[in-house]
Amino acid sequence: MSKYNYKNIWRAIVSILLLLAIIGPWWFDRIYVPAKYPCNLPVVRLEGDFCGVPMSGIWIYAFIGARLIELSQEIGSGKTVIIESISMILQAFLFLVCVLCLLLPLVNPWLLILKRDNKLLHRLQVISLCLAIFIGWYVGFELANTRNSMALWGPWLYIGVAGCALIIEVLMIIMGQKDKKVYV
């Protein structure tokens, strides 16, 4: 098996694991359940009279789409003035960019497999993994700040896989440069 096949297998595994992490639970949808009643699995007791339903990271994308549609309808109907909703639009746009940064490490490995080690795509993968780790870490701590945060394994799997992928991509770049120096 050539070194390209090993790289391709590794990149496909990383992409699949990142997809699994995004499908996994990233936050709790809080529901009111009086403390005298139990929360049955998969619902977990959060605090006081609230239980949480683990929600997949995919719902983030549905939320963004719904929010952008809602904002455009409000602006179109005249409910809100564009100037008043600029901050909401900027927040939604920034959130969309951050969420798309979480998707880039899933797509880029397939481009690297198809393009056979394009230098620009290599660098893009390293940058996207760094951004994804940072954003995943922020989201993980921001959304999982409950006492049952270990039930939210999606962001932690994502961060772990992206971190390992970053290390291996950097090592592949270094090894590729060493191979070129030997043959020059």
C-alpha atoms as a PDB file:
ATOM      1  CA  MET A   1       0.000   0.000   0.000  1.00  0.00           C
ATOM      2  CA  SER A   2       1.438   3.406  -0.930  1.00  0.00           C
ATOM      3  CA  LYS A   3       1.799   6.309   1.445  1.00  0.00           C
ATOM      4  CA  TYR A   4      -1.067   8.075  -0.388  1.00  0.00           C
ATOM      5  CA  ASN A   5      -3.416   5.208   0.441  1.00  0.00           C
ATOM      6  CA  TYR A   6      -2.530   5.428   4.144  1.00  0.00           C
ATOM      7  CA  LYS A   7      -3.092   9.182   4.104  1.00  0.00           C
ATOM      8  CA  ASN A   8      -6.408   8.733   2.318  1.00  0.00           C
ATOM      9  CA  ILE A   9      -7.587   6.089   4.768  1.00  0.00           C
ATOM     10  CA  TRP A  10      -6.590   8.301   7.694  1.00  0.00           C
ATOM     11  CA  ARG A  11      -8.354  11.332   6.226  1.00  0.00           C
ATOM     12  CA  ALA A  12     -11.531   9.363   5.514  1.00  0.00           C
ATOM     13  CA  ILE A  13     -11.572   8.026   9.095  1.00  0.00           C
ATOM     14  CA  VAL A  14     -11.076  11.537  10.486  1.00  0.00           C
ATOM     15  CA  SER A  15     -13.904  12.900   8.361  1.00  0.00           C
ATOM     16  CA  ILE A  16     -16.270  10.121   9.440  1.00  0.00           C
ATOM     17  CA  LEU A  17     -15.374  10.575  13.129  1.00  0.00           C
ATOM     18  CA  LEU A  18     -15.928  14.336  12.886  1.00  0.00           C
ATOM     19  CA  LEU A  19     -19.318  13.701  11.299  1.00  0.00           C
ATOM     20  CA  LEU A  20     -20.158  11.290  14.126  1.00  0.00           C
ATOM     21  CA  ALA A  21     -19.144  13.973  16.633  1.00  0.00           C
ATOM     22  CA  ILE A  22     -21.411  16.559  14.976  1.00  0.00           C
ATOM     23  CA  ILE A  23     -24.287  14.086  15.002  1.00  0.00           C
ATOM     24  CA  GLY A  24     -23.680  13.484  18.711  1.00  0.00           C
ATOM     25  CA  PRO A  25     -25.204  15.550  21.541  1.00  0.00           C
ATOM     26  CA  TRP A  26     -23.845  19.111  21.871  1.00  0.00           C
ATOM     27  CA  TRP A  27     -26.304  20.793  24.233  1.00  0.00           C
ATOM     28  CA  PHE A  28     -29.392  20.209  26.344  1.00  0.00           C
ATOM     29  CA  ASP A  29     -32.826  21.467  25.406  1.00  0.00           C
ATOM     30  CA  ARG A  30     -34.142  22.466  28.815  1.00  0.00           C
ATOM     31  CA  ILE A  31     -37.641  21.334  29.732  1.00  0.00           C
ATOM     32  CA  TYR A  32     -39.575  22.004  32.902  1.00  0.00           C
ATOM     33  CA  VAL A  33     -40.104  18.881  34.998  1.00  0.00           C
ATOM     34  CA  PRO A  34     -40.851  19.378  38.707  1.00  0.00           C
ATOM     35  CA  ALA A  35     -38.135  17.922  40.929  1.00  0.00           C
ATOM     36  CA  LYS A  36     -40.525  15.348  42.425  1.00  0.00           C
ATOM     37  CA  TYR A  37     -40.717  13.600  39.008  1.00  0.00           C
ATOM     38  CA  PRO A  38     -37.777  11.670  37.586  1.00  0.00           C
ATOM     39  CA  CYS A  39     -36.116  12.393  34.271  1.00  0.00           C
ATOM     40  CA  ASN A  40     -35.910   9.134  32.338  1.00  0.00           C
ATOM     41  CA  LEU A  41     -33.093   8.443  29.901  1.00  0.00           C
ATOM     42  CA  PRO A  42     -32.050   9.963  27.569  1.00  0.00           C
ATOM     43  CA  VAL A  43     -33.387  13.003  29.425  1.00  0.00           C
ATOM     44  CA  VAL A  44     -31.176  13.990  32.360  1.00  0.00           C
ATOM     45  CA  ARG A  45     -31.813  16.133  35.423  1.00  0.00           C
ATOM     46  CA  LEU A  46     -30.002  19.443  35.034  1.00  0.00           C
ATOM     47  CA  GLU A  47     -30.829  21.492  38.093  1.00  0.00           C
ATOM     48  CA  GLY A  48     -33.869  22.178  40.193  1.00  0.00           C
ATOM     49  CA  ASP A  49     -37.042  21.732  38.178  1.00  0.00           C
ATOM     50  CA  PHE A  50     -35.336  21.335  34.819  1.00  0.00           C
ATOM     51  CA  CYS A  51     -34.365  18.325  32.785  1.00  0.00           C
ATOM     52  CA  GLY A  52     -32.413  18.354  29.571  1.00  0.00           C
ATOM     53  CA  VAL A  53     -32.929  16.520  26.309  1.00  0.00           C
ATOM     54  CA  PRO A  54     -29.556  15.979  24.582  1.00  0.00           C
ATOM     55  CA  MET A  55     -29.613  17.723  21.194  1.00  0.00           C
ATOM     56  CA  SER A  56     -27.507  16.832  18.185  1.00  0.00           C
ATOM     57  CA  GLY A  57     -25.017  19.321  16.789  1.00  0.00           C
ATOM     58  CA  ILE A  58     -26.889  19.119  13.486  1.00  0.00           C
ATOM     59  CA  TRP A  59     -29.695  21.146  15.077  1.00  0.00           C
ATOM     60  CA  ILE A  60     -27.291  24.116  15.156  1.00  0.00           C
ATOM     61  CA  TYR A  61     -27.545  24.286  11.364  1.00  0.00           C
ATOM     62  CA  ALA A  62     -31.334  24.060  11.441  1.00  0.00           C
ATOM     63  CA  PHE A  63     -31.432  26.826  14.063  1.00  0.00           C
ATOM     64  CA  ILE A  64     -29.240  29.112  11.942  1.00  0.00           C
ATOM     65  CA  GLY A  65     -31.373  28.558   8.859  1.00  0.00           C
ATOM     66  CA  ALA A  66     -34.600  29.171  10.751  1.00  0.00           C
ATOM     67  CA  ARG A  67     -33.214  32.302  12.414  1.00  0.00           C
ATOM     68  CA  LEU A  68     -32.000  33.782   9.121  1.00  0.00           C
ATOM     69  CA  ILE A  69     -35.392  33.119   7.501  1.00  0.00           C
ATOM     70  CA  GLU A  70     -37.141  34.671  10.491  1.00  0.00           C
ATOM     71  CA  LEU A  71     -34.936  37.774  10.323  1.00  0.00           C
ATOM     72  CA  SER A  72     -35.535  38.211   6.597  1.00  0.00           C
ATOM     73  CA  GLN A  73     -39.315  37.870   7.109  1.00  0.00           C
ATOM     74  CA  GLU A  74     -39.257  40.459   9.897  1.00  0.00           C
ATOM     75  CA  ILE A  75     -37.303  42.889   7.727  1.00  0.00           C
ATOM     76  CA  GLY A  76     -39.496  42.188   4.676  1.00  0.00           C
ATOM     77  CA  SER A  77     -42.754  42.671   6.563  1.00  0.00           C
ATOM     78  CA  GLY A  78     -41.565  45.878   8.192  1.00  0.00           C
ATOM     79  CA  LYS A  79     -41.770  44.494  11.744  1.00  0.00           C
ATOM     80  CA  THR A  80     -38.203  45.590  12.324  1.00  0.00           C
ATOM     81  CA  VAL A  81     -36.157  48.286  10.732  1.00  0.00           C
ATOM     82  CA  ILE A  82     -32.963  47.158   9.023  1.00  0.00           C
ATOM     83  CA  ILE A  83     -30.865  49.474  11.213  1.00  0.00           C
ATOM     84  CA  GLU A  84     -32.328  47.941  14.393  1.00  0.00           C
ATOM     85  CA  SER A  85     -31.697  44.415  13.175  1.00  0.00           C
ATOM     86  CA  ILE A  86     -28.111  44.937  11.955  1.00  0.00           C
ATOM     87  CA  SER A  87     -26.690  43.612  15.224  1.00  0.00           C
ATOM     88  CA  MET A  88     -28.940  40.544  15.013  1.00  0.00           C
ATOM     89  CA  ILE A  89     -27.892  39.955  11.398  1.00  0.00           C
ATOM     90  CA  LEU A  90     -24.202  40.357  12.281  1.00  0.00           C
ATOM     91  CA  GLN A  91     -24.576  37.936  15.198  1.00  0.00           C
ATOM     92  CA  ALA A  92     -26.335  35.392  12.991  1.00  0.00           C
ATOM     93  CA  PHE A  93     -23.664  35.828  10.294  1.00  0.00           C
ATOM     94  CA  LEU A  94     -20.819  35.408  12.803  1.00  0.00           C
ATOM     95  CA  PHE A  95     -22.524  32.334  14.218  1.00  0.00           C
ATOM     96  CA  LEU A  96     -22.947  30.955  10.692  1.00  0.00           C
ATOM     97  CA  VAL A  97     -19.242  31.485   9.934  1.00  0.00           C
ATOM     98  CA  CYS A  98     -18.257  29.715  13.160  1.00  0.00           C
ATOM     99  CA  VAL A  99     -20.528  26.774  12.415  1.00  0.00           C
ATOM    100  CA  LEU A 100     -19.220  26.533   8.856  1.00  0.00           C
ATOM    101  CA  CYS A 101     -15.707  26.419  10.320  1.00  0.00           C
ATOM    102  CA  LEU A 102     -16.828  23.262  12.130  1.00  0.00           C
ATOM    103  CA  LEU A 103     -17.844  21.732   8.775  1.00  0.00           C
ATOM    104  CA  LEU A 104     -14.669  22.605   6.876  1.00  0.00           C
ATOM    105  CA  PRO A 105     -12.536  19.840   8.459  1.00  0.00           C
ATOM    106  CA  LEU A 106     -15.179  17.326   7.308  1.00  0.00           C
ATOM    107  CA  VAL A 107     -15.100  18.449   3.682  1.00  0.00           C
ATOM    108  CA  ASN A 108     -11.430  19.291   3.231  1.00  0.00           C
ATOM    109  CA  PRO A 109     -10.083  15.726   3.758  1.00  0.00           C
ATOM    110  CA  TRP A 110     -12.178  14.539   0.810  1.00  0.00           C
ATOM    111  CA  LEU A 111     -10.729  17.334  -1.315  1.00  0.00           C
ATOM    112  CA  LEU A 112      -7.235  16.273  -0.229  1.00  0.00           C
ATOM    113  CA  ILE A 113      -8.038  12.686  -1.199  1.00  0.00           C
ATOM    114  CA  LEU A 114      -9.268  13.771  -4.635  1.00  0.00           C
ATOM    115  CA  LYS A 115      -6.502  16.317  -5.299  1.00  0.00           C
ATOM    116  CA  ARG A 116      -3.650  14.122  -4.016  1.00  0.00           C
ATOM    117  CA  ASP A 117      -1.845  16.328  -1.530  1.00  0.00           C
ATOM    118  CA  ASN A 118      -2.388  19.807  -2.862  1.00  0.00           C
ATOM    119  CA  LYS A 119      -0.192  22.180  -0.756  1.00  0.00           C
ATOM    120  CA  LEU A 120      -2.880  24.838  -0.531  1.00  0.00           C
ATOM    121  CA  LEU A 121      -5.448  22.276   0.663  1.00  0.00           C
ATOM    122  CA  HIS A 122      -2.919  20.955   3.191  1.00  0.00           C
ATOM    123  CA  ARG A 123      -2.513  24.420   4.656  1.00  0.00           C
ATOM    124  CA  LEU A 124      -6.260  24.998   4.559  1.00  0.00           C
ATOM    125  CA  GLN A 125      -6.768  21.735   6.462  1.00  0.00           C
ATOM    126  CA  VAL A 126      -4.301  22.760   9.174  1.00  0.00           C
ATOM    127  CA  ILE A 127      -5.923  26.204   9.499  1.00  0.00           C
ATOM    128  CA  SER A 128      -9.442  24.735   9.489  1.00  0.00           C
ATOM    129  CA  LEU A 129      -8.496  22.193  12.154  1.00  0.00           C
ATOM    130  CA  CYS A 130      -7.050  24.954  14.356  1.00  0.00           C
ATOM    131  CA  LEU A 131     -10.210  27.038  13.954  1.00  0.00           C
ATOM    132  CA  ALA A 132     -12.423  24.014  14.524  1.00  0.00           C
ATOM    133  CA  ILE A 133     -10.600  23.064  17.719  1.00  0.00           C
ATOM    134  CA  PHE A 134     -10.925  26.612  19.043  1.00  0.00           C
ATOM    135  CA  ILE A 135     -14.609  26.910  18.119  1.00  0.00           C
ATOM    136  CA  GLY A 136     -15.386  23.379  19.350  1.00  0.00           C
ATOM    137  CA  TRP A 137     -13.640  24.144  22.640  1.00  0.00           C
ATOM    138  CA  TYR A 138     -15.619  27.369  23.062  1.00  0.00           C
ATOM    139  CA  VAL A 139     -18.914  25.724  22.180  1.00  0.00           C
ATOM    140  CA  GLY A 140     -18.133  22.763  24.419  1.00  0.00           C
ATOM    141  CA  PHE A 141     -17.512  24.958  27.437  1.00  0.00           C
ATOM    142  CA  GLU A 142     -20.288  27.419  26.641  1.00  0.00           C
ATOM    143  CA  LEU A 143     -23.039  24.878  25.995  1.00  0.00           C
ATOM    144  CA  ALA A 144     -21.900  22.137  28.344  1.00  0.00           C
ATOM    145  CA  ASN A 145     -21.659  24.194  31.514  1.00  0.00           C
ATOM    146  CA  THR A 146     -24.007  21.927  33.412  1.00  0.00           C
ATOM    147  CA  ARG A 147     -23.215  19.273  35.957  1.00  0.00           C
ATOM    148  CA  ASN A 148     -24.118  16.530  33.434  1.00  0.00           C
ATOM    149  CA  SER A 149     -21.868  17.914  30.719  1.00  0.00           C
ATOM    150  CA  MET A 150     -20.222  14.513  30.128  1.00  0.00           C
ATOM    151  CA  ALA A 151     -23.506  13.381  28.555  1.00  0.00           C
ATOM    152  CA  LEU A 152     -22.700  15.937  25.863  1.00  0.00           C
ATOM    153  CA  TRP A 153     -19.903  13.981  24.220  1.00  0.00           C
ATOM    154  CA  GLY A 154     -20.217  15.545  20.749  1.00  0.00           C
ATOM    155  CA  PRO A 155     -17.958  18.573  21.230  1.00  0.00           C
ATOM    156  CA  TRP A 156     -15.372  16.582  23.197  1.00  0.00           C
ATOM    157  CA  LEU A 157     -15.135  13.884  20.517  1.00  0.00           C
ATOM    158  CA  TYR A 158     -14.914  16.609  17.897  1.00  0.00           C
ATOM    159  CA  ILE A 159     -12.085  18.399  19.736  1.00  0.00           C
ATOM    160  CA  GLY A 160     -10.198  15.145  20.335  1.00  0.00           C
ATOM    161  CA  VAL A 161     -10.453  13.945  16.729  1.00  0.00           C
ATOM    162  CA  ALA A 162      -9.628  17.393  15.328  1.00  0.00           C
ATOM    163  CA  GLY A 163      -6.615  17.649  17.668  1.00  0.00           C
ATOM    164  CA  CYS A 164      -5.283  14.252  16.621  1.00  0.00           C
ATOM    165  CA  ALA A 165      -5.922  15.101  12.960  1.00  0.00           C
ATOM    166  CA  LEU A 166      -4.046  18.381  13.355  1.00  0.00           C
ATOM    167  CA  ILE A 167      -1.023  16.635  14.827  1.00  0.00           C
ATOM    168  CA  ILE A 168      -0.997  14.021  12.078  1.00  0.00           C
ATOM    169  CA  GLU A 169      -1.499  16.585   9.288  1.00  0.00           C
ATOM    170  CA  VAL A 170       1.423  18.640  10.610  1.00  0.00           C
ATOM    171  CA  LEU A 171       3.540  15.475  10.816  1.00  0.00           C
ATOM    172  CA  MET A 172       2.563  14.587   7.228  1.00  0.00           C
ATOM    173  CA  ILE A 173       3.643  18.052   6.087  1.00  0.00           C
ATOM    174  CA  ILE A 174       6.967  17.742   7.928  1.00  0.00           C
ATOM    175  CA  MET A 175       7.582  14.235   6.591  1.00  0.00           C
ATOM    176  CA  GLY A 176       6.704  15.394   3.076  1.00  0.00           C
ATOM    177  CA  GLN A 177       9.262  18.190   3.315  1.00  0.00           C
ATOM    178  CA  LYS A 178      11.916  15.761   4.566  1.00  0.00           C
ATOM    179  CA  ASP A 179      11.200  13.393   1.654  1.00  0.00           C
ATOM    180  CA  LYS A 180      11.702  16.241  -0.813  1.00  0.00           C
ATOM    181  CA  LYS A 181      15.024  17.255   0.772  1.00  0.00           C
ATOM    182  CA  VAL A 182      16.347  13.704   0.449  1.00  0.00           C
ATOM    183  CA  TYR A 183      15.618  13.570  -3.274  1.00  0.00           C
ATOM    184  CA  VAL A 184      16.860  17.089  -4.145  1.00  0.00           C
END
